[in-house]
PDB file of all heavy atoms in Angstrom:
ATOM      1  N   LEU A   1       5.079  10.110  36.079  1.00  0.00           N
ATOM      2  CA  LEU A   1       6.151   9.504  35.293  1.00  0.00           C
ATOM      3  C   LEU A   1       5.759   9.408  33.820  1.00  0.00           C
ATOM      4  O   LEU A   1       6.591   9.639  32.928  1.00  0.00           O
ATOM      5  CB  LEU A   1       6.474   8.110  35.840  1.00  0.00           C
ATOM      6  CG  LEU A   1       7.211   8.063  37.177  1.00  0.00           C
ATOM      7  CD1 LEU A   1       7.178   6.658  37.749  1.00  0.00           C
ATOM      8  CD2 LEU A   1       8.648   8.543  37.019  1.00  0.00           C
ATOM      9  N   ALA A   2       4.500   9.079  33.565  1.00  0.00           N
ATOM     10  CA  ALA A   2       4.032   8.958  32.179  1.00  0.00           C
ATOM     11  C   ALA A   2       4.106  10.305  31.465  1.00  0.00           C
ATOM     12  O   ALA A   2       4.377  10.359  30.254  1.00  0.00           O
ATOM     13  CB  ALA A   2       2.604   8.425  32.151  1.00  0.00           C
ATOM     14  N   ARG A   3       3.868  11.394  32.189  1.00  0.00           N
ATOM     15  CA  ARG A   3       3.972  12.721  31.564  1.00  0.00           C
ATOM     16  C   ARG A   3       5.411  12.999  31.145  1.00  0.00           C
ATOM     17  O   ARG A   3       5.671  13.494  30.050  1.00  0.00           O
ATOM     18  CB  ARG A   3       3.473  13.801  32.537  1.00  0.00           C
ATOM     19  CG  ARG A   3       3.560  15.220  31.961  1.00  0.00           C
ATOM     20  CD  ARG A   3       3.024  16.274  32.909  1.00  0.00           C
ATOM     21  NE  ARG A   3       1.576  16.144  33.057  1.00  0.00           N
ATOM     22  CZ  ARG A   3       0.967  15.729  34.158  1.00  0.00           C
ATOM     23  NH1 ARG A   3       1.676  15.378  35.235  1.00  0.00           N
ATOM     24  NH2 ARG A   3      -0.338  15.647  34.212  1.00  0.00           N
ATOM     25  N   TRP A   4       6.358  12.680  32.013  1.00  0.00           N
ATOM     26  CA  TRP A   4       7.769  12.829  31.650  1.00  0.00           C
ATOM     27  C   TRP A   4       8.103  11.974  30.427  1.00  0.00           C
ATOM     28  O   TRP A   4       8.750  12.443  29.482  1.00  0.00           O
ATOM     29  CB  TRP A   4       8.655  12.436  32.833  1.00  0.00           C
ATOM     30  CG  TRP A   4      10.123  12.412  32.512  1.00  0.00           C
ATOM     31  CD1 TRP A   4      10.822  11.378  31.967  1.00  0.00           C
ATOM     32  CD2 TRP A   4      11.055  13.491  32.687  1.00  0.00           C
ATOM     33  NE1 TRP A   4      12.139  11.715  31.797  1.00  0.00           N
ATOM     34  CE2 TRP A   4      12.308  13.008  32.231  1.00  0.00           C
ATOM     35  CE3 TRP A   4      10.958  14.780  33.185  1.00  0.00           C
ATOM     36  CZ2 TRP A   4      13.452  13.798  32.277  1.00  0.00           C
ATOM     37  CZ3 TRP A   4      12.107  15.570  33.230  1.00  0.00           C
ATOM     38  CH2 TRP A   4      13.331  15.076  32.774  1.00  0.00           C
ATOM     39  N   ASP A   5       7.668  10.715  30.449  1.00  0.00           N
ATOM     40  CA  ASP A   5       7.935   9.814  29.330  1.00  0.00           C
ATOM     41  C   ASP A   5       7.424  10.405  28.021  1.00  0.00           C
ATOM     42  O   ASP A   5       8.101  10.331  26.983  1.00  0.00           O
ATOM     43  CB  ASP A   5       7.250   8.465  29.554  1.00  0.00           C
ATOM     44  CG  ASP A   5       7.779   7.709  30.759  1.00  0.00           C
ATOM     45  OD1 ASP A   5       8.871   8.051  31.264  1.00  0.00           O
ATOM     46  OD2 ASP A   5       7.096   6.770  31.201  1.00  0.00           O
ATOM     47  N   ARG A   6       6.234  10.977  28.075  1.00  0.00           N
ATOM     48  CA  ARG A   6       5.587  11.471  26.857  1.00  0.00           C
ATOM     49  C   ARG A   6       6.291  12.690  26.282  1.00  0.00           C
ATOM     50  O   ARG A   6       6.470  12.782  25.061  1.00  0.00           O
ATOM     51  CB  ARG A   6       4.119  11.789  27.170  1.00  0.00           C
ATOM     52  CG  ARG A   6       3.296  12.160  25.936  1.00  0.00           C
ATOM     53  CD  ARG A   6       1.813  12.052  26.219  1.00  0.00           C
ATOM     54  NE  ARG A   6       1.329  13.055  27.165  1.00  0.00           N
ATOM     55  CZ  ARG A   6       0.985  12.835  28.424  1.00  0.00           C
ATOM     56  NH1 ARG A   6       1.102  11.608  28.936  1.00  0.00           N
ATOM     57  NH2 ARG A   6       0.534  13.794  29.203  1.00  0.00           N
ATOM     58  N   PHE A   7       6.700  13.601  27.127  1.00  0.00           N
ATOM     59  CA  PHE A   7       7.241  14.863  26.624  1.00  0.00           C
ATOM     60  C   PHE A   7       8.767  14.900  26.585  1.00  0.00           C
ATOM     61  O   PHE A   7       9.338  15.562  25.714  1.00  0.00           O
ATOM     62  CB  PHE A   7       6.732  16.031  27.476  1.00  0.00           C
ATOM     63  CG  PHE A   7       5.280  16.326  27.272  1.00  0.00           C
ATOM     64  CD1 PHE A   7       4.348  15.994  28.238  1.00  0.00           C
ATOM     65  CD2 PHE A   7       4.830  16.922  26.100  1.00  0.00           C
ATOM     66  CE1 PHE A   7       2.999  16.257  28.058  1.00  0.00           C
ATOM     67  CE2 PHE A   7       3.487  17.186  25.904  1.00  0.00           C
ATOM     68  CZ  PHE A   7       2.565  16.856  26.884  1.00  0.00           C
ATOM     69  N   ILE A   8       9.429  14.210  27.500  1.00  0.00           N
ATOM     70  CA  ILE A   8      10.892  14.286  27.581  1.00  0.00           C
ATOM     71  C   ILE A   8      11.543  13.013  27.077  1.00  0.00           C
ATOM     72  O   ILE A   8      12.491  13.053  26.292  1.00  0.00           O
ATOM     73  CB  ILE A   8      11.351  14.566  29.029  1.00  0.00           C
ATOM     74  CG1 ILE A   8      10.643  15.800  29.595  1.00  0.00           C
ATOM     75  CG2 ILE A   8      12.866  14.742  29.068  1.00  0.00           C
ATOM     76  CD1 ILE A   8      10.975  17.089  28.919  1.00  0.00           C
ATOM     77  N   GLY A   9      11.056  11.850  27.528  1.00  0.00           N
ATOM     78  CA  GLY A   9      11.643  10.576  27.113  1.00  0.00           C
ATOM     79  C   GLY A   9      12.049   9.747  28.314  1.00  0.00           C
ATOM     80  O   GLY A   9      11.383   9.762  29.346  1.00  0.00           O
ATOM     81  N   ALA A  10      13.166   9.039  28.185  1.00  0.00           N
ATOM     82  CA  ALA A  10      13.612   8.128  29.245  1.00  0.00           C
ATOM     83  C   ALA A  10      13.965   8.900  30.516  1.00  0.00           C
ATOM     84  O   ALA A  10      14.487  10.019  30.454  1.00  0.00           O
ATOM     85  CB  ALA A  10      14.818   7.334  28.768  1.00  0.00           C
ATOM     86  N   ASP A  11      13.694   8.282  31.670  1.00  0.00           N
ATOM     87  CA  ASP A  11      14.067   8.902  32.939  1.00  0.00           C
ATOM     88  C   ASP A  11      15.353   8.303  33.507  1.00  0.00           C
ATOM     89  O   ASP A  11      15.740   8.584  34.634  1.00  0.00           O
ATOM     90  CB  ASP A  11      12.931   8.803  33.964  1.00  0.00           C
ATOM     91  CG  ASP A  11      12.626   7.375  34.391  1.00  0.00           C
ATOM     92  OD1 ASP A  11      13.044   6.438  33.675  1.00  0.00           O
ATOM     93  OD2 ASP A  11      11.962   7.206  35.439  1.00  0.00           O
ATOM     94  N   ARG A  12      16.023   7.459  32.716  1.00  0.00           N
ATOM     95  CA  ARG A  12      17.345   6.946  33.062  1.00  0.00           C
ATOM     96  C   ARG A  12      18.083   6.676  31.755  1.00  0.00           C
ATOM     97  O   ARG A  12      17.465   6.410  30.728  1.00  0.00           O
ATOM     98  CB  ARG A  12      17.247   5.683  33.915  1.00  0.00           C
ATOM     99  CG  ARG A  12      16.528   4.524  33.255  1.00  0.00           C
ATOM    100  CD  ARG A  12      16.477   3.313  34.173  1.00  0.00           C
ATOM    101  NE  ARG A  12      15.832   2.164  33.537  1.00  0.00           N
ATOM    102  CZ  ARG A  12      14.569   1.809  33.719  1.00  0.00           C
ATOM    103  NH1 ARG A  12      13.789   2.537  34.521  1.00  0.00           N
ATOM    104  NH2 ARG A  12      14.070   0.744  33.106  1.00  0.00           N
ATOM    105  N   TRP A  13      19.402   6.725  31.804  1.00  0.00           N
ATOM    106  CA  TRP A  13      20.165   6.511  30.582  1.00  0.00           C
ATOM    107  C   TRP A  13      21.614   6.129  30.903  1.00  0.00           C
ATOM    108  O   TRP A  13      22.105   6.348  32.005  1.00  0.00           O
ATOM    109  CB  TRP A  13      20.146   7.745  29.670  1.00  0.00           C
ATOM    110  CG  TRP A  13      20.277   9.077  30.363  1.00  0.00           C
ATOM    111  CD1 TRP A  13      19.271   9.978  30.609  1.00  0.00           C
ATOM    112  CD2 TRP A  13      21.472   9.666  30.892  1.00  0.00           C
ATOM    113  NE1 TRP A  13      19.771  11.077  31.260  1.00  0.00           N
ATOM    114  CE2 TRP A  13      21.102  10.919  31.446  1.00  0.00           C
ATOM    115  CE3 TRP A  13      22.807   9.276  30.960  1.00  0.00           C
ATOM    116  CZ2 TRP A  13      22.040  11.779  32.051  1.00  0.00           C
ATOM    117  CZ3 TRP A  13      23.743  10.110  31.573  1.00  0.00           C
ATOM    118  CH2 TRP A  13      23.348  11.345  32.103  1.00  0.00           C
ATOM    119  N   ARG A  14      22.247   5.559  29.902  1.00  0.00           N
ATOM    120  CA  ARG A  14      23.678   5.242  29.948  1.00  0.00           C
ATOM    121  C   ARG A  14      24.348   5.910  28.760  1.00  0.00           C
ATOM    122  O   ARG A  14      23.823   5.873  27.639  1.00  0.00           O
ATOM    123  CB  ARG A  14      23.881   3.727  29.890  1.00  0.00           C
ATOM    124  CG  ARG A  14      25.333   3.324  29.682  1.00  0.00           C
ATOM    125  CD  ARG A  14      25.494   1.818  29.597  1.00  0.00           C
ATOM    126  NE  ARG A  14      26.870   1.456  29.267  1.00  0.00           N
ATOM    127  CZ  ARG A  14      27.351   0.221  29.276  1.00  0.00           C
ATOM    128  NH1 ARG A  14      26.539  -0.785  29.605  1.00  0.00           N
ATOM    129  NH2 ARG A  14      28.606  -0.010  28.965  1.00  0.00           N
ATOM    130  N   HIS A  15      25.509   6.521  29.022  1.00  0.00           N
ATOM    131  CA  HIS A  15      26.239   7.187  27.949  1.00  0.00           C
ATOM    132  C   HIS A  15      27.724   6.904  28.153  1.00  0.00           C
ATOM    133  O   HIS A  15      28.297   7.264  29.193  1.00  0.00           O
ATOM    134  CB  HIS A  15      25.961   8.687  27.971  1.00  0.00           C
ATOM    135  CG  HIS A  15      26.298   9.390  26.704  1.00  0.00           C
ATOM    136  ND1 HIS A  15      25.623   9.178  25.514  1.00  0.00           N
ATOM    137  CD2 HIS A  15      27.246  10.319  26.426  1.00  0.00           C
ATOM    138  CE1 HIS A  15      26.137   9.945  24.565  1.00  0.00           C
ATOM    139  NE2 HIS A  15      27.120  10.644  25.091  1.00  0.00           N
ATOM    140  N   ASP A  16      28.384   6.255  27.188  1.00  0.00           N
ATOM    141  CA  ASP A  16      29.791   5.882  27.289  1.00  0.00           C
ATOM    142  C   ASP A  16      30.665   6.887  26.571  1.00  0.00           C
ATOM    143  O   ASP A  16      30.399   7.235  25.404  1.00  0.00           O
ATOM    144  CB  ASP A  16      30.016   4.480  26.697  1.00  0.00           C
ATOM    145  CG  ASP A  16      29.346   3.394  27.526  1.00  0.00           C
ATOM    146  OD1 ASP A  16      29.454   3.454  28.758  1.00  0.00           O
ATOM    147  OD2 ASP A  16      28.706   2.506  26.934  1.00  0.00           O
ATOM    148  N   LEU A  17      31.732   7.330  27.269  1.00  0.00           N
ATOM    149  CA  LEU A  17      32.647   8.330  26.712  1.00  0.00           C
ATOM    150  C   LEU A  17      34.079   8.042  27.144  1.00  0.00           C
ATOM    151  O   LEU A  17      34.412   8.178  28.335  1.00  0.00           O
ATOM    152  CB  LEU A  17      32.265   9.738  27.205  1.00  0.00           C
ATOM    153  CG  LEU A  17      30.968  10.357  26.710  1.00  0.00           C
ATOM    154  CD1 LEU A  17      30.678  11.625  27.522  1.00  0.00           C
ATOM    155  CD2 LEU A  17      31.072  10.710  25.240  1.00  0.00           C
ATOM    156  N   ASP A  18      34.926   7.611  26.230  1.00  0.00           N
ATOM    157  CA  ASP A  18      36.371   7.557  26.441  1.00  0.00           C
ATOM    158  C   ASP A  18      36.787   6.957  27.783  1.00  0.00           C
ATOM    159  O   ASP A  18      37.475   7.600  28.586  1.00  0.00           O
ATOM    160  CB  ASP A  18      36.972   8.963  26.304  1.00  0.00           C
ATOM    161  CG  ASP A  18      36.807   9.522  24.896  1.00  0.00           C
ATOM    162  OD1 ASP A  18      36.604   8.721  23.963  1.00  0.00           O
ATOM    163  OD2 ASP A  18      36.864  10.754  24.723  1.00  0.00           O
ATOM    164  N   GLY A  19      36.371   5.731  28.029  1.00  0.00           N
ATOM    165  CA  GLY A  19      36.772   5.063  29.255  1.00  0.00           C
ATOM    166  C   GLY A  19      35.895   5.354  30.453  1.00  0.00           C
ATOM    167  O   GLY A  19      36.149   4.855  31.557  1.00  0.00           O
ATOM    168  N   TRP A  20      34.861   6.161  30.242  1.00  0.00           N
ATOM    169  CA  TRP A  20      33.910   6.485  31.297  1.00  0.00           C
ATOM    170  C   TRP A  20      32.518   5.995  30.891  1.00  0.00           C
ATOM    171  O   TRP A  20      32.149   6.049  29.721  1.00  0.00           O
ATOM    172  CB  TRP A  20      33.838   7.998  31.520  1.00  0.00           C
ATOM    173  CG  TRP A  20      34.996   8.560  32.287  1.00  0.00           C
ATOM    174  CD1 TRP A  20      36.236   8.841  31.797  1.00  0.00           C
ATOM    175  CD2 TRP A  20      35.015   8.889  33.676  1.00  0.00           C
ATOM    176  NE1 TRP A  20      37.035   9.337  32.792  1.00  0.00           N
ATOM    177  CE2 TRP A  20      36.310   9.392  33.956  1.00  0.00           C
ATOM    178  CE3 TRP A  20      34.077   8.835  34.697  1.00  0.00           C
ATOM    179  CZ2 TRP A  20      36.681   9.821  35.230  1.00  0.00           C
ATOM    180  CZ3 TRP A  20      34.437   9.263  35.968  1.00  0.00           C
ATOM    181  CH2 TRP A  20      35.735   9.737  36.225  1.00  0.00           C
ATOM    182  N   THR A  21      31.757   5.566  31.882  1.00  0.00           N
ATOM    183  CA  THR A  21      30.337   5.280  31.689  1.00  0.00           C
ATOM    184  C   THR A  21      29.545   6.235  32.562  1.00  0.00           C
ATOM    185  O   THR A  21      29.695   6.241  33.794  1.00  0.00           O
ATOM    186  CB  THR A  21      29.994   3.831  32.067  1.00  0.00           C
ATOM    187  OG1 THR A  21      30.632   2.942  31.142  1.00  0.00           O
ATOM    188  CG2 THR A  21      28.493   3.596  31.991  1.00  0.00           C
ATOM    189  N   LEU A  22      28.723   7.055  31.921  1.00  0.00           N
ATOM    190  CA  LEU A  22      27.834   7.961  32.634  1.00  0.00           C
ATOM    191  C   LEU A  22      26.495   7.260  32.807  1.00  0.00           C
ATOM    192  O   LEU A  22      25.895   6.810  31.831  1.00  0.00           O
ATOM    193  CB  LEU A  22      27.624   9.261  31.861  1.00  0.00           C
ATOM    194  CG  LEU A  22      28.859   9.967  31.294  1.00  0.00           C
ATOM    195  CD1 LEU A  22      28.445  11.269  30.603  1.00  0.00           C
ATOM    196  CD2 LEU A  22      29.886  10.230  32.368  1.00  0.00           C
ATOM    197  N   LEU A  23      26.030   7.145  34.042  1.00  0.00           N
ATOM    198  CA  LEU A  23      24.757   6.505  34.337  1.00  0.00           C
ATOM    199  C   LEU A  23      23.834   7.542  34.971  1.00  0.00           C
ATOM    200  O   LEU A  23      24.077   8.003  36.097  1.00  0.00           O
ATOM    201  CB  LEU A  23      24.957   5.319  35.283  1.00  0.00           C
ATOM    202  CG  LEU A  23      25.815   4.171  34.741  1.00  0.00           C
ATOM    203  CD1 LEU A  23      26.027   3.115  35.809  1.00  0.00           C
ATOM    204  CD2 LEU A  23      25.189   3.552  33.491  1.00  0.00           C
ATOM    205  N   GLY A  24      22.788   7.915  34.249  1.00  0.00           N
ATOM    206  CA  GLY A  24      21.814   8.860  34.758  1.00  0.00           C
ATOM    207  C   GLY A  24      20.598   8.125  35.284  1.00  0.00           C
ATOM    208  O   GLY A  24      20.041   7.263  34.599  1.00  0.00           O
ATOM    209  N   VAL A  25      20.180   8.440  36.518  1.00  0.00           N
ATOM    210  CA  VAL A  25      19.052   7.748  37.131  1.00  0.00           C
ATOM    211  C   VAL A  25      18.044   8.761  37.673  1.00  0.00           C
ATOM    212  O   VAL A  25      18.359   9.936  37.887  1.00  0.00           O
ATOM    213  CB  VAL A  25      19.507   6.793  38.262  1.00  0.00           C
ATOM    214  CG1 VAL A  25      20.352   5.673  37.710  1.00  0.00           C
ATOM    215  CG2 VAL A  25      20.258   7.552  39.356  1.00  0.00           C
ATOM    216  N   ASN A  26      16.838   8.268  37.898  1.00  0.00           N
ATOM    217  CA  ASN A  26      15.740   9.074  38.432  1.00  0.00           C
ATOM    218  C   ASN A  26      15.819   9.051  39.951  1.00  0.00           C
ATOM    219  O   ASN A  26      15.458   8.074  40.592  1.00  0.00           O
ATOM    220  CB  ASN A  26      14.409   8.497  37.944  1.00  0.00           C
ATOM    221  CG  ASN A  26      13.209   9.300  38.391  1.00  0.00           C
ATOM    222  OD1 ASN A  26      13.289  10.139  39.292  1.00  0.00           O
ATOM    223  ND2 ASN A  26      12.060   9.054  37.770  1.00  0.00           N
ATOM    224  N   ALA A  27      16.296  10.145  40.546  1.00  0.00           N
ATOM    225  CA  ALA A  27      16.501  10.204  41.998  1.00  0.00           C
ATOM    226  C   ALA A  27      15.205  10.062  42.770  1.00  0.00           C
ATOM    227  O   ALA A  27      15.194   9.562  43.899  1.00  0.00           O
ATOM    228  CB  ALA A  27      17.181  11.520  42.371  1.00  0.00           C
ATOM    229  N   GLN A  28      14.099  10.511  42.169  1.00  0.00           N
ATOM    230  CA  GLN A  28      12.826  10.503  42.886  1.00  0.00           C
ATOM    231  C   GLN A  28      12.262   9.096  43.078  1.00  0.00           C
ATOM    232  O   GLN A  28      11.372   8.899  43.900  1.00  0.00           O
ATOM    233  CB  GLN A  28      11.811  11.370  42.148  1.00  0.00           C
ATOM    234  CG  GLN A  28      11.860  12.851  42.493  1.00  0.00           C
ATOM    235  CD  GLN A  28      13.239  13.438  42.547  1.00  0.00           C
ATOM    236  OE1 GLN A  28      13.947  13.516  41.551  1.00  0.00           O
ATOM    237  NE2 GLN A  28      13.661  13.837  43.721  1.00  0.00           N
ATOM    238  N   LEU A  29      12.782   8.116  42.355  1.00  0.00           N
ATOM    239  CA  LEU A  29      12.290   6.751  42.499  1.00  0.00           C
ATOM    240  C   LEU A  29      12.813   6.064  43.758  1.00  0.00           C
ATOM    241  O   LEU A  29      12.164   5.168  44.290  1.00  0.00           O
ATOM    242  CB  LEU A  29      12.676   5.921  41.277  1.00  0.00           C
ATOM    243  CG  LEU A  29      11.907   6.201  39.995  1.00  0.00           C
ATOM    244  CD1 LEU A  29      12.496   5.407  38.834  1.00  0.00           C
ATOM    245  CD2 LEU A  29      10.421   5.876  40.161  1.00  0.00           C
ATOM    246  N   PHE A  30      13.979   6.484  44.263  1.00  0.00           N
ATOM    247  CA  PHE A  30      14.588   5.797  45.396  1.00  0.00           C
ATOM    248  C   PHE A  30      13.740   5.998  46.651  1.00  0.00           C
ATOM    249  O   PHE A  30      13.579   7.113  47.139  1.00  0.00           O
ATOM    250  CB  PHE A  30      16.013   6.304  45.630  1.00  0.00           C
ATOM    251  CG  PHE A  30      16.966   5.940  44.529  1.00  0.00           C
ATOM    252  CD1 PHE A  30      17.328   6.868  43.572  1.00  0.00           C
ATOM    253  CD2 PHE A  30      17.494   4.656  44.452  1.00  0.00           C
ATOM    254  CE1 PHE A  30      18.217   6.541  42.559  1.00  0.00           C
ATOM    255  CE2 PHE A  30      18.379   4.309  43.437  1.00  0.00           C
ATOM    256  CZ  PHE A  30      18.736   5.257  42.485  1.00  0.00           C
ATOM    257  N   GLY A  31      13.191   4.911  47.156  1.00  0.00           N
ATOM    258  CA  GLY A  31      12.325   4.978  48.318  1.00  0.00           C
ATOM    259  C   GLY A  31      10.874   5.233  47.990  1.00  0.00           C
ATOM    260  O   GLY A  31      10.045   5.388  48.887  1.00  0.00           O
ATOM    261  N   SER A  32      10.529   5.246  46.690  1.00  0.00           N
ATOM    262  CA  SER A  32       9.152   5.533  46.283  1.00  0.00           C
ATOM    263  C   SER A  32       8.228   4.332  46.434  1.00  0.00           C
ATOM    264  O   SER A  32       7.016   4.480  46.586  1.00  0.00           O
ATOM    265  CB  SER A  32       9.121   6.007  44.827  1.00  0.00           C
ATOM    266  OG  SER A  32       9.446   4.937  43.943  1.00  0.00           O
ATOM    267  N   GLY A  33       8.783   3.127  46.334  1.00  0.00           N
ATOM    268  CA  GLY A  33       7.963   1.926  46.372  1.00  0.00           C
ATOM    269  C   GLY A  33       7.246   1.613  45.082  1.00  0.00           C
ATOM    270  O   GLY A  33       6.492   0.631  45.009  1.00  0.00           O
TER     271      GLY A  33
END
């Protein structure tokens, strides 16, 4: 995860567009503990 943070940035985000909220999440975290 730290490698992603360093080179790419956030692994989740929110982006609002014209009445829509886009929520991007890290799928690999679900069930990871």
